[in-house]
Amino acid sequence: MQNVKKGLQDGFKRPRLDLVHCPVCKGRAVVKGVFYELVCTDCNGSGWVVAGSRLVLPLEELVTQLSFKLQTAEREIHMLKSPCRTDGPEQQHQAPNRLGAGGTNYTGD
């Protein structure tokens, strides 16, 4: 029997492509026509292309890649909004633990 690793293998993970704004429409998904706006044909009206190759993704793959990009941005926003965690002795002074007299903060000093 072969050595089988638990978890996902490289063949089962979706690759994360680096997306950039379309250079023609500059991420707006439309270009200015003579009388009205037209859908950008270089990015299929999405405003996103693959970095470096300027390759246009099919809609199914584009939805997945934009979801990855959104999840990364949400993680960064959550990290920036969450308060800094302190470790060590100063943690006792930062967070109330209500173990002291009258429900006050007990630090053990």
PDB file of N, CA and C in Angstrom:
ATOM      1  N   MET A   1       0.840  -1.177   0.000  1.00  0.00           N
ATOM      2  CA  MET A   1       0.000   0.000   0.000  1.00  0.00           C
ATOM      3  C   MET A   1       0.888   1.244   0.000  1.00  0.00           C
ATOM      4  N   GLN A   2       0.463   2.260  -0.725  1.00  0.00           N
ATOM      5  CA  GLN A   2       1.242   3.474  -0.821  1.00  0.00           C
ATOM      6  C   GLN A   2       1.073   4.319   0.436  1.00  0.00           C
ATOM      7  N   ASN A   3       2.046   5.190   0.625  1.00  0.00           N
ATOM      8  CA  ASN A   3       1.980   6.117   1.748  1.00  0.00           C
ATOM      9  C   ASN A   3       0.956   7.206   1.420  1.00  0.00           C
ATOM     10  N   VAL A   4      -0.168   7.202   2.144  1.00  0.00           N
ATOM     11  CA  VAL A   4      -1.259   8.134   1.878  1.00  0.00           C
ATOM     12  C   VAL A   4      -1.283   9.188   2.971  1.00  0.00           C
ATOM     13  N   LYS A   5      -1.228  10.466   2.558  1.00  0.00           N
ATOM     14  CA  LYS A   5      -1.300  11.565   3.517  1.00  0.00           C
ATOM     15  C   LYS A   5      -2.753  11.909   3.773  1.00  0.00           C
ATOM     16  N   LYS A   6      -3.043  12.280   5.010  1.00  0.00           N
ATOM     17  CA  LYS A   6      -4.386  12.743   5.322  1.00  0.00           C
ATOM     18  C   LYS A   6      -4.519  14.196   4.909  1.00  0.00           C
ATOM     19  N   GLY A   7      -5.724  14.603   4.601  1.00  0.00           N
ATOM     20  CA  GLY A   7      -5.967  15.987   4.214  1.00  0.00           C
ATOM     21  C   GLY A   7      -5.998  16.139   2.708  1.00  0.00           C
ATOM     22  N   LEU A   8      -6.050  17.381   2.282  1.00  0.00           N
ATOM     23  CA  LEU A   8      -6.142  17.675   0.863  1.00  0.00           C
ATOM     24  C   LEU A   8      -4.780  17.567   0.193  1.00  0.00           C
ATOM     25  N   GLN A   9      -4.765  16.997  -0.984  1.00  0.00           N
ATOM     26  CA  GLN A   9      -3.556  16.936  -1.788  1.00  0.00           C
ATOM     27  C   GLN A   9      -3.530  18.147  -2.712  1.00  0.00           C
ATOM     28  N   ASP A  10      -2.395  18.381  -3.350  1.00  0.00           N
ATOM     29  CA  ASP A  10      -2.264  19.548  -4.225  1.00  0.00           C
ATOM     30  C   ASP A  10      -3.235  19.494  -5.398  1.00  0.00           C
ATOM     31  N   GLY A  11      -3.573  18.308  -5.876  1.00  0.00           N
ATOM     32  CA  GLY A  11      -4.481  18.181  -7.005  1.00  0.00           C
ATOM     33  C   GLY A  11      -5.917  18.520  -6.655  1.00  0.00           C
ATOM     34  N   PHE A  12      -6.259  18.552  -5.388  1.00  0.00           N
ATOM     35  CA  PHE A  12      -7.627  18.801  -4.970  1.00  0.00           C
ATOM     36  C   PHE A  12      -7.878  20.245  -4.563  1.00  0.00           C
ATOM     37  N   LYS A  13      -6.866  21.066  -4.490  1.00  0.00           N
ATOM     38  CA  LYS A  13      -7.017  22.470  -4.116  1.00  0.00           C
ATOM     39  C   LYS A  13      -7.122  23.328  -5.373  1.00  0.00           C
ATOM     40  N   ARG A  14      -7.973  24.325  -5.302  1.00  0.00           N
ATOM     41  CA  ARG A  14      -8.095  25.255  -6.417  1.00  0.00           C
ATOM     42  C   ARG A  14      -6.916  26.226  -6.367  1.00  0.00           C
ATOM     43  N   PRO A  15      -6.256  26.464  -7.483  1.00  0.00           N
ATOM     44  CA  PRO A  15      -5.142  27.420  -7.466  1.00  0.00           C
ATOM     45  C   PRO A  15      -5.660  28.840  -7.261  1.00  0.00           C
ATOM     46  N   ARG A  16      -4.903  29.624  -6.503  1.00  0.00           N
ATOM     47  CA  ARG A  16      -5.250  31.029  -6.275  1.00  0.00           C
ATOM     48  C   ARG A  16      -4.527  31.858  -7.320  1.00  0.00           C
ATOM     49  N   LEU A  17      -5.287  32.448  -8.233  1.00  0.00           N
ATOM     50  CA  LEU A  17      -4.705  33.269  -9.282  1.00  0.00           C
ATOM     51  C   LEU A  17      -4.691  34.722  -8.832  1.00  0.00           C
ATOM     52  N   ASP A  18      -3.653  35.430  -9.241  1.00  0.00           N
ATOM     53  CA  ASP A  18      -3.546  36.851  -8.906  1.00  0.00           C
ATOM     54  C   ASP A  18      -4.319  37.641  -9.953  1.00  0.00           C
ATOM     55  N   LEU A  19      -5.393  38.286  -9.524  1.00  0.00           N
ATOM     56  CA  LEU A  19      -6.229  39.063 -10.434  1.00  0.00           C
ATOM     57  C   LEU A  19      -5.880  40.546 -10.341  1.00  0.00           C
ATOM     58  N   VAL A  20      -5.898  41.211 -11.490  1.00  0.00           N
ATOM     59  CA  VAL A  20      -5.663  42.647 -11.544  1.00  0.00           C
ATOM     60  C   VAL A  20      -6.787  43.284 -12.359  1.00  0.00           C
ATOM     61  N   HIS A  21      -6.940  44.601 -12.226  1.00  0.00           N
ATOM     62  CA  HIS A  21      -7.952  45.306 -13.005  1.00  0.00           C
ATOM     63  C   HIS A  21      -7.604  45.251 -14.486  1.00  0.00           C
ATOM     64  N   CYS A  22      -8.609  45.179 -15.298  1.00  0.00           N
ATOM     65  CA  CYS A  22      -8.436  45.152 -16.754  1.00  0.00           C
ATOM     66  C   CYS A  22      -7.791  46.464 -17.206  1.00  0.00           C
ATOM     67  N   PRO A  23      -6.744  46.402 -18.038  1.00  0.00           N
ATOM     68  CA  PRO A  23      -6.079  47.633 -18.457  1.00  0.00           C
ATOM     69  C   PRO A  23      -6.919  48.473 -19.427  1.00  0.00           C
ATOM     70  N   VAL A  24      -7.865  47.871 -20.117  1.00  0.00           N
ATOM     71  CA  VAL A  24      -8.669  48.611 -21.086  1.00  0.00           C
ATOM     72  C   VAL A  24      -9.748  49.427 -20.389  1.00  0.00           C
ATOM     73  N   CYS A  25     -10.538  48.751 -19.523  1.00  0.00           N
ATOM     74  CA  CYS A  25     -11.635  49.461 -18.849  1.00  0.00           C
ATOM     75  C   CYS A  25     -11.248  49.934 -17.453  1.00  0.00           C
ATOM     76  N   LYS A  26     -10.040  49.581 -16.999  1.00  0.00           N
ATOM     77  CA  LYS A  26      -9.518  49.986 -15.688  1.00  0.00           C
ATOM     78  C   LYS A  26     -10.404  49.510 -14.539  1.00  0.00           C
ATOM     79  N   GLY A  27     -10.985  48.296 -14.697  1.00  0.00           N
ATOM     80  CA  GLY A  27     -11.785  47.684 -13.648  1.00  0.00           C
ATOM     81  C   GLY A  27     -13.226  48.139 -13.607  1.00  0.00           C
ATOM     82  N   ARG A  28     -13.651  48.967 -14.531  1.00  0.00           N
ATOM     83  CA  ARG A  28     -15.033  49.470 -14.521  1.00  0.00           C
ATOM     84  C   ARG A  28     -15.995  48.541 -15.239  1.00  0.00           C
ATOM     85  N   ALA A  29     -15.516  47.592 -16.035  1.00  0.00           N
ATOM     86  CA  ALA A  29     -16.300  46.605 -16.776  1.00  0.00           C
ATOM     87  C   ALA A  29     -16.997  47.181 -18.007  1.00  0.00           C
ATOM     88  N   VAL A  30     -16.940  48.478 -18.201  1.00  0.00           N
ATOM     89  CA  VAL A  30     -17.522  49.096 -19.394  1.00  0.00           C
ATOM     90  C   VAL A  30     -16.525  50.089 -19.976  1.00  0.00           C
ATOM     91  N   VAL A  31     -16.641  50.292 -21.289  1.00  0.00           N
ATOM     92  CA  VAL A  31     -15.828  51.298 -21.967  1.00  0.00           C
ATOM     93  C   VAL A  31     -16.769  52.327 -22.583  1.00  0.00           C
ATOM     94  N   LYS A  32     -16.263  53.521 -22.740  1.00  0.00           N
ATOM     95  CA  LYS A  32     -17.088  54.608 -23.257  1.00  0.00           C
ATOM     96  C   LYS A  32     -17.191  54.495 -24.771  1.00  0.00           C
ATOM     97  N   GLY A  33     -18.408  54.393 -25.260  1.00  0.00           N
ATOM     98  CA  GLY A  33     -18.657  54.402 -26.698  1.00  0.00           C
ATOM     99  C   GLY A  33     -18.916  55.817 -27.164  1.00  0.00           C
ATOM    100  N   VAL A  34     -19.379  55.960 -28.370  1.00  0.00           N
ATOM    101  CA  VAL A  34     -19.669  57.285 -28.903  1.00  0.00           C
ATOM    102  C   VAL A  34     -20.879  57.891 -28.186  1.00  0.00           C
ATOM    103  N   PHE A  35     -21.949  57.102 -28.031  1.00  0.00           N
ATOM    104  CA  PHE A  35     -23.168  57.629 -27.432  1.00  0.00           C
ATOM    105  C   PHE A  35     -23.507  56.999 -26.086  1.00  0.00           C
ATOM    106  N   TYR A  36     -22.981  55.802 -25.800  1.00  0.00           N
ATOM    107  CA  TYR A  36     -23.309  55.114 -24.553  1.00  0.00           C
ATOM    108  C   TYR A  36     -22.167  54.185 -24.179  1.00  0.00           C
ATOM    109  N   GLU A  37     -22.256  53.614 -22.988  1.00  0.00           N
ATOM    110  CA  GLU A  37     -21.203  52.718 -22.506  1.00  0.00           C
ATOM    111  C   GLU A  37     -21.401  51.314 -23.067  1.00  0.00           C
ATOM    112  N   LEU A  38     -20.283  50.669 -23.437  1.00  0.00           N
ATOM    113  CA  LEU A  38     -20.296  49.310 -23.974  1.00  0.00           C
ATOM    114  C   LEU A  38     -19.603  48.375 -23.003  1.00  0.00           C
ATOM    115  N   VAL A  39     -20.005  47.119 -23.010  1.00  0.00           N
ATOM    116  CA  VAL A  39     -19.357  46.114 -22.168  1.00  0.00           C
ATOM    117  C   VAL A  39     -17.947  45.881 -22.698  1.00  0.00           C
ATOM    118  N   CYS A  40     -16.977  45.864 -21.796  1.00  0.00           N
ATOM    119  CA  CYS A  40     -15.575  45.655 -22.190  1.00  0.00           C
ATOM    120  C   CYS A  40     -15.396  44.235 -22.714  1.00  0.00           C
ATOM    121  N   THR A  41     -14.859  44.112 -23.918  1.00  0.00           N
ATOM    122  CA  THR A  41     -14.663  42.786 -24.511  1.00  0.00           C
ATOM    123  C   THR A  41     -13.352  42.147 -24.069  1.00  0.00           C
ATOM    124  N   ASP A  42     -12.415  42.936 -23.535  1.00  0.00           N
ATOM    125  CA  ASP A  42     -11.139  42.367 -23.103  1.00  0.00           C
ATOM    126  C   ASP A  42     -11.257  41.589 -21.802  1.00  0.00           C
ATOM    127  N   CYS A  43     -12.245  41.917 -20.958  1.00  0.00           N
ATOM    128  CA  CYS A  43     -12.415  41.213 -19.682  1.00  0.00           C
ATOM    129  C   CYS A  43     -13.800  40.574 -19.561  1.00  0.00           C
ATOM    130  N   ASN A  44     -14.559  40.539 -20.650  1.00  0.00           N
ATOM    131  CA  ASN A  44     -15.928  40.000 -20.668  1.00  0.00           C
ATOM    132  C   ASN A  44     -16.842  40.720 -19.691  1.00  0.00           C
ATOM    133  N   GLY A  45     -16.604  41.978 -19.457  1.00  0.00           N
ATOM    134  CA  GLY A  45     -17.469  42.777 -18.605  1.00  0.00           C
ATOM    135  C   GLY A  45     -17.305  42.523 -17.124  1.00  0.00           C
ATOM    136  N   SER A  46     -16.193  41.918 -16.710  1.00  0.00           N
ATOM    137  CA  SER A  46     -15.983  41.668 -15.278  1.00  0.00           C
ATOM    138  C   SER A  46     -15.066  42.704 -14.641  1.00  0.00           C
ATOM    139  N   GLY A  47     -14.159  43.280 -15.416  1.00  0.00           N
ATOM    140  CA  GLY A  47     -13.213  44.244 -14.874  1.00  0.00           C
ATOM    141  C   GLY A  47     -11.955  43.608 -14.327  1.00  0.00           C
ATOM    142  N   TRP A  48     -11.845  42.273 -14.381  1.00  0.00           N
ATOM    143  CA  TRP A  48     -10.695  41.552 -13.824  1.00  0.00           C
ATOM    144  C   TRP A  48     -10.065  40.656 -14.882  1.00  0.00           C
ATOM    145  N   VAL A  49      -8.728  40.600 -14.882  1.00  0.00           N
ATOM    146  CA  VAL A  49      -7.961  39.685 -15.730  1.00  0.00           C
ATOM    147  C   VAL A  49      -6.846  39.079 -14.876  1.00  0.00           C
ATOM    148  N   VAL A  50      -6.254  37.987 -15.358  1.00  0.00           N
ATOM    149  CA  VAL A  50      -5.151  37.343 -14.649  1.00  0.00           C
ATOM    150  C   VAL A  50      -3.906  38.200 -14.800  1.00  0.00           C
ATOM    151  N   ALA A  51      -3.197  38.417 -13.692  1.00  0.00           N
ATOM    152  CA  ALA A  51      -1.993  39.254 -13.710  1.00  0.00           C
ATOM    153  C   ALA A  51      -0.928  38.620 -14.599  1.00  0.00           C
ATOM    154  N   GLY A  52      -0.224  39.441 -15.334  1.00  0.00           N
ATOM    155  CA  GLY A  52       0.873  38.972 -16.169  1.00  0.00           C
ATOM    156  C   GLY A  52       0.420  38.535 -17.545  1.00  0.00           C
ATOM    157  N   SER A  53      -0.480  37.567 -17.621  1.00  0.00           N
ATOM    158  CA  SER A  53      -0.881  37.020 -18.916  1.00  0.00           C
ATOM    159  C   SER A  53      -2.057  37.763 -19.534  1.00  0.00           C
ATOM    160  N   ARG A  54      -2.783  38.568 -18.744  1.00  0.00           N
ATOM    161  CA  ARG A  54      -3.978  39.292 -19.191  1.00  0.00           C
ATOM    162  C   ARG A  54      -5.034  38.333 -19.733  1.00  0.00           C
ATOM    163  N   LEU A  55      -5.042  37.112 -19.197  1.00  0.00           N
ATOM    164  CA  LEU A  55      -5.977  36.080 -19.617  1.00  0.00           C
ATOM    165  C   LEU A  55      -7.350  36.349 -19.009  1.00  0.00           C
ATOM    166  N   VAL A  56      -8.385  36.171 -19.803  1.00  0.00           N
ATOM    167  CA  VAL A  56      -9.757  36.345 -19.329  1.00  0.00           C
ATOM    168  C   VAL A  56     -10.238  35.006 -18.796  1.00  0.00           C
ATOM    169  N   LEU A  57     -10.789  35.002 -17.578  1.00  0.00           N
ATOM    170  CA  LEU A  57     -11.271  33.767 -16.966  1.00  0.00           C
ATOM    171  C   LEU A  57     -12.708  33.485 -17.364  1.00  0.00           C
ATOM    172  N   PRO A  58     -13.074  32.189 -17.467  1.00  0.00           N
ATOM    173  CA  PRO A  58     -14.491  31.872 -17.655  1.00  0.00           C
ATOM    174  C   PRO A  58     -15.273  32.281 -16.406  1.00  0.00           C
ATOM    175  N   LEU A  59     -16.572  32.490 -16.554  1.00  0.00           N
ATOM    176  CA  LEU A  59     -17.383  33.010 -15.455  1.00  0.00           C
ATOM    177  C   LEU A  59     -17.346  32.124 -14.218  1.00  0.00           C
ATOM    178  N   GLU A  60     -17.373  30.797 -14.372  1.00  0.00           N
ATOM    179  CA  GLU A  60     -17.355  29.894 -13.215  1.00  0.00           C
ATOM    180  C   GLU A  60     -16.059  30.048 -12.429  1.00  0.00           C
ATOM    181  N   GLU A  61     -14.937  30.141 -13.139  1.00  0.00           N
ATOM    182  CA  GLU A  61     -13.647  30.292 -12.470  1.00  0.00           C
ATOM    183  C   GLU A  61     -13.507  31.698 -11.877  1.00  0.00           C
ATOM    184  N   LEU A  62     -14.046  32.689 -12.547  1.00  0.00           N
ATOM    185  CA  LEU A  62     -13.977  34.065 -12.063  1.00  0.00           C
ATOM    186  C   LEU A  62     -14.723  34.216 -10.743  1.00  0.00           C
ATOM    187  N   VAL A  63     -15.882  33.585 -10.623  1.00  0.00           N
ATOM    188  CA  VAL A  63     -16.649  33.647  -9.379  1.00  0.00           C
ATOM    189  C   VAL A  63     -15.843  33.045  -8.234  1.00  0.00           C
ATOM    190  N   THR A  64     -15.188  31.915  -8.479  1.00  0.00           N
ATOM    191  CA  THR A  64     -14.383  31.264  -7.447  1.00  0.00           C
ATOM    192  C   THR A  64     -13.199  32.134  -7.043  1.00  0.00           C
ATOM    193  N   GLN A  65     -12.503  32.701  -8.007  1.00  0.00           N
ATOM    194  CA  GLN A  65     -11.333  33.526  -7.708  1.00  0.00           C
ATOM    195  C   GLN A  65     -11.727  34.809  -6.978  1.00  0.00           C
ATOM    196  N   LEU A  66     -12.851  35.401  -7.349  1.00  0.00           N
ATOM    197  CA  LEU A  66     -13.315  36.598  -6.646  1.00  0.00           C
ATOM    198  C   LEU A  66     -13.751  36.264  -5.225  1.00  0.00           C
ATOM    199  N   SER A  67     -14.289  35.068  -5.030  1.00  0.00           N
ATOM    200  CA  SER A  67     -14.640  34.634  -3.672  1.00  0.00           C
ATOM    201  C   SER A  67     -13.383  34.490  -2.823  1.00  0.00           C
ATOM    202  N   PHE A  68     -12.313  33.926  -3.382  1.00  0.00           N
ATOM    203  CA  PHE A  68     -11.043  33.820  -2.651  1.00  0.00           C
ATOM    204  C   PHE A  68     -10.533  35.208  -2.290  1.00  0.00           C
ATOM    205  N   LYS A  69     -10.615  36.133  -3.244  1.00  0.00           N
ATOM    206  CA  LYS A  69     -10.144  37.505  -3.017  1.00  0.00           C
ATOM    207  C   LYS A  69     -10.972  38.189  -1.927  1.00  0.00           C
ATOM    208  N   LEU A  70     -12.284  37.964  -1.931  1.00  0.00           N
ATOM    209  CA  LEU A  70     -13.171  38.535  -0.915  1.00  0.00           C
ATOM    210  C   LEU A  70     -12.881  37.961   0.466  1.00  0.00           C
ATOM    211  N   GLN A  71     -12.652  36.651   0.542  1.00  0.00           N
ATOM    212  CA  GLN A  71     -12.339  36.019   1.826  1.00  0.00           C
ATOM    213  C   GLN A  71     -11.037  36.555   2.401  1.00  0.00           C
ATOM    214  N   THR A  72     -10.046  36.765   1.555  1.00  0.00           N
ATOM    215  CA  THR A  72      -8.772  37.322   2.008  1.00  0.00           C
ATOM    216  C   THR A  72      -8.964  38.745   2.534  1.00  0.00           C
ATOM    217  N   ALA A  73      -9.737  39.547   1.811  1.00  0.00           N
ATOM    218  CA  ALA A  73      -9.985  40.919   2.242  1.00  0.00           C
ATOM    219  C   ALA A  73     -10.769  40.951   3.554  1.00  0.00           C
ATOM    220  N   GLU A  74     -11.755  40.058   3.717  1.00  0.00           N
ATOM    221  CA  GLU A  74     -12.524  40.017   4.959  1.00  0.00           C
ATOM    222  C   GLU A  74     -11.648  39.602   6.134  1.00  0.00           C
ATOM    223  N   ARG A  75     -10.720  38.657   5.903  1.00  0.00           N
ATOM    224  CA  ARG A  75      -9.790  38.252   6.960  1.00  0.00           C
ATOM    225  C   ARG A  75      -8.907  39.416   7.387  1.00  0.00           C
ATOM    226  N   GLU A  76      -8.411  40.192   6.416  1.00  0.00           N
ATOM    227  CA  GLU A  76      -7.572  41.341   6.729  1.00  0.00           C
ATOM    228  C   GLU A  76      -8.359  42.402   7.501  1.00  0.00           C
ATOM    229  N   ILE A  77      -9.601  42.646   7.102  1.00  0.00           N
ATOM    230  CA  ILE A  77     -10.440  43.619   7.812  1.00  0.00           C
ATOM    231  C   ILE A  77     -10.699  43.158   9.233  1.00  0.00           C
ATOM    232  N   HIS A  78     -10.988  41.874   9.408  1.00  0.00           N
ATOM    233  CA  HIS A  78     -11.232  41.336  10.752  1.00  0.00           C
ATOM    234  C   HIS A  78      -9.987  41.468  11.629  1.00  0.00           C
ATOM    235  N   MET A  79      -8.816  41.212  11.052  1.00  0.00           N
ATOM    236  CA  MET A  79      -7.569  41.325  11.815  1.00  0.00           C
ATOM    237  C   MET A  79      -7.320  42.777  12.225  1.00  0.00           C
ATOM    238  N   LEU A  80      -7.645  43.719  11.352  1.00  0.00           N
ATOM    239  CA  LEU A  80      -7.426  45.126  11.666  1.00  0.00           C
ATOM    240  C   LEU A  80      -8.438  45.646  12.687  1.00  0.00           C
ATOM    241  N   LYS A  81      -9.663  45.122  12.666  1.00  0.00           N
ATOM    242  CA  LYS A  81     -10.687  45.574  13.604  1.00  0.00           C
ATOM    243  C   LYS A  81     -10.552  44.935  14.978  1.00  0.00           C
ATOM    244  N   SER A  82     -10.012  43.736  15.048  1.00  0.00           N
ATOM    245  CA  SER A  82      -9.920  43.055  16.341  1.00  0.00           C
ATOM    246  C   SER A  82      -8.844  43.717  17.202  1.00  0.00           C
ATOM    247  N   PRO A  83      -9.086  43.795  18.504  1.00  0.00           N
ATOM    248  CA  PRO A  83      -8.092  44.430  19.382  1.00  0.00           C
ATOM    249  C   PRO A  83      -6.832  43.571  19.466  1.00  0.00           C
ATOM    250  N   CYS A  84      -5.742  44.227  19.761  1.00  0.00           N
ATOM    251  CA  CYS A  84      -4.466  43.532  19.887  1.00  0.00           C
ATOM    252  C   CYS A  84      -4.513  42.621  21.108  1.00  0.00           C
ATOM    253  N   ARG A  85      -4.091  41.393  20.921  1.00  0.00           N
ATOM    254  CA  ARG A  85      -4.052  40.459  22.046  1.00  0.00           C
ATOM    255  C   ARG A  85      -2.729  40.612  22.772  1.00  0.00           C
ATOM    256  N   THR A  86      -2.821  40.680  24.079  1.00  0.00           N
ATOM    257  CA  THR A  86      -1.615  40.765  24.885  1.00  0.00           C
ATOM    258  C   THR A  86      -1.374  39.423  25.536  1.00  0.00           C
ATOM    259  N   ASP A  87      -0.132  39.065  25.646  1.00  0.00           N
ATOM    260  CA  ASP A  87       0.250  37.814  26.279  1.00  0.00           C
ATOM    261  C   ASP A  87       1.115  38.125  27.492  1.00  0.00           C
ATOM    262  N   GLY A  88       1.161  37.189  28.406  1.00  0.00           N
ATOM    263  CA  GLY A  88       2.025  37.340  29.565  1.00  0.00           C
ATOM    264  C   GLY A  88       1.334  38.031  30.715  1.00  0.00           C
ATOM    265  N   PRO A  89       2.126  38.613  31.610  1.00  0.00           N
ATOM    266  CA  PRO A  89       1.563  39.206  32.818  1.00  0.00           C
ATOM    267  C   PRO A  89       0.648  40.406  32.568  1.00  0.00           C
ATOM    268  N   GLU A  90       0.888  41.161  31.497  1.00  0.00           N
ATOM    269  CA  GLU A  90       0.053  42.343  31.276  1.00  0.00           C
ATOM    270  C   GLU A  90      -1.370  41.971  30.878  1.00  0.00           C
ATOM    271  N   GLN A  91      -1.614  40.725  30.489  1.00  0.00           N
ATOM    272  CA  GLN A  91      -2.956  40.299  30.122  1.00  0.00           C
ATOM    273  C   GLN A  91      -3.905  40.373  31.319  1.00  0.00           C
ATOM    274  N   GLN A  92      -3.394  40.114  32.520  1.00  0.00           N
ATOM    275  CA  GLN A  92      -4.230  40.178  33.716  1.00  0.00           C
ATOM    276  C   GLN A  92      -4.726  41.599  33.968  1.00  0.00           C
ATOM    277  N   HIS A  93      -3.949  42.585  33.586  1.00  0.00           N
ATOM    278  CA  HIS A  93      -4.322  43.973  33.830  1.00  0.00           C
ATOM    279  C   HIS A  93      -5.224  44.531  32.730  1.00  0.00           C
ATOM    280  N   GLN A  94      -5.216  43.931  31.547  1.00  0.00           N
ATOM    281  CA  GLN A  94      -5.980  44.463  30.422  1.00  0.00           C
ATOM    282  C   GLN A  94      -7.435  44.012  30.422  1.00  0.00           C
ATOM    283  N   ALA A  95      -7.690  42.734  30.673  1.00  0.00           N
ATOM    284  CA  ALA A  95      -9.049  42.196  30.586  1.00  0.00           C
ATOM    285  C   ALA A  95      -9.628  41.994  31.986  1.00  0.00           C
ATOM    286  N   PRO A  96     -10.867  42.432  32.203  1.00  0.00           N
ATOM    287  CA  PRO A  96     -11.483  42.227  33.516  1.00  0.00           C
ATOM    288  C   PRO A  96     -11.849  40.757  33.709  1.00  0.00           C
ATOM    289  N   ASN A  97     -11.567  40.227  34.910  1.00  0.00           N
ATOM    290  CA  ASN A  97     -11.903  38.833  35.176  1.00  0.00           C
ATOM    291  C   ASN A  97     -12.938  38.680  36.282  1.00  0.00           C
ATOM    292  N   ARG A  98     -13.318  39.758  36.947  1.00  0.00           N
ATOM    293  CA  ARG A  98     -14.365  39.797  37.967  1.00  0.00           C
ATOM    294  C   ARG A  98     -14.129  38.788  39.104  1.00  0.00           C
ATOM    295  N   LEU A  99     -12.881  38.532  39.439  1.00  0.00           N
ATOM    296  CA  LEU A  99     -12.571  37.612  40.540  1.00  0.00           C
ATOM    297  C   LEU A  99     -12.217  38.335  41.831  1.00  0.00           C
ATOM    298  N   GLY A 100     -12.124  39.645  41.799  1.00  0.00           N
ATOM    299  CA  GLY A 100     -11.762  40.416  42.989  1.00  0.00           C
ATOM    300  C   GLY A 100     -12.961  40.736  43.848  1.00  0.00           C
ATOM    301  N   ALA A 101     -12.705  41.514  44.896  1.00  0.00           N
ATOM    302  CA  ALA A 101     -13.773  41.880  45.835  1.00  0.00           C
ATOM    303  C   ALA A 101     -14.804  42.741  45.133  1.00  0.00           C
ATOM    304  N   GLY A 102     -16.069  42.385  45.258  1.00  0.00           N
ATOM    305  CA  GLY A 102     -17.158  43.134  44.637  1.00  0.00           C
ATOM    306  C   GLY A 102     -17.195  43.003  43.123  1.00  0.00           C
ATOM    307  N   GLY A 103     -16.604  41.948  42.589  1.00  0.00           N
ATOM    308  CA  GLY A 103     -16.606  41.734  41.131  1.00  0.00           C
ATOM    309  C   GLY A 103     -15.597  42.573  40.394  1.00  0.00           C
ATOM    310  N   THR A 104     -14.585  43.075  41.097  1.00  0.00           N
ATOM    311  CA  THR A 104     -13.566  43.881  40.418  1.00  0.00           C
ATOM    312  C   THR A 104     -12.497  42.973  39.832  1.00  0.00           C
ATOM    313  N   ASN A 105     -11.587  43.560  39.123  1.00  0.00           N
ATOM    314  CA  ASN A 105     -10.523  42.821  38.475  1.00  0.00           C
ATOM    315  C   ASN A 105      -9.477  42.376  39.487  1.00  0.00           C
ATOM    316  N   TYR A 106      -9.200  41.077  39.567  1.00  0.00           N
ATOM    317  CA  TYR A 106      -8.178  40.541  40.454  1.00  0.00           C
ATOM    318  C   TYR A 106      -6.921  40.268  39.628  1.00  0.00           C
ATOM    319  N   THR A 107      -5.814  40.905  40.006  1.00  0.00           N
ATOM    320  CA  THR A 107      -4.575  40.719  39.260  1.00  0.00           C
ATOM    321  C   THR A 107      -3.550  39.874  40.007  1.00  0.00           C
ATOM    322  N   GLY A 108      -3.760  39.640  41.262  1.00  0.00           N
ATOM    323  CA  GLY A 108      -2.829  38.822  42.034  1.00  0.00           C
ATOM    324  C   GLY A 108      -1.648  39.599  42.581  1.00  0.00           C
ATOM    325  N   ASP A 109      -1.636  40.888  42.460  1.00  0.00           N
ATOM    326  CA  ASP A 109      -0.530  41.709  42.973  1.00  0.00           C
ATOM    327  C   ASP A 109      -0.602  41.827  44.464  1.00  0.00           C
TER     328      ASP A 109
END
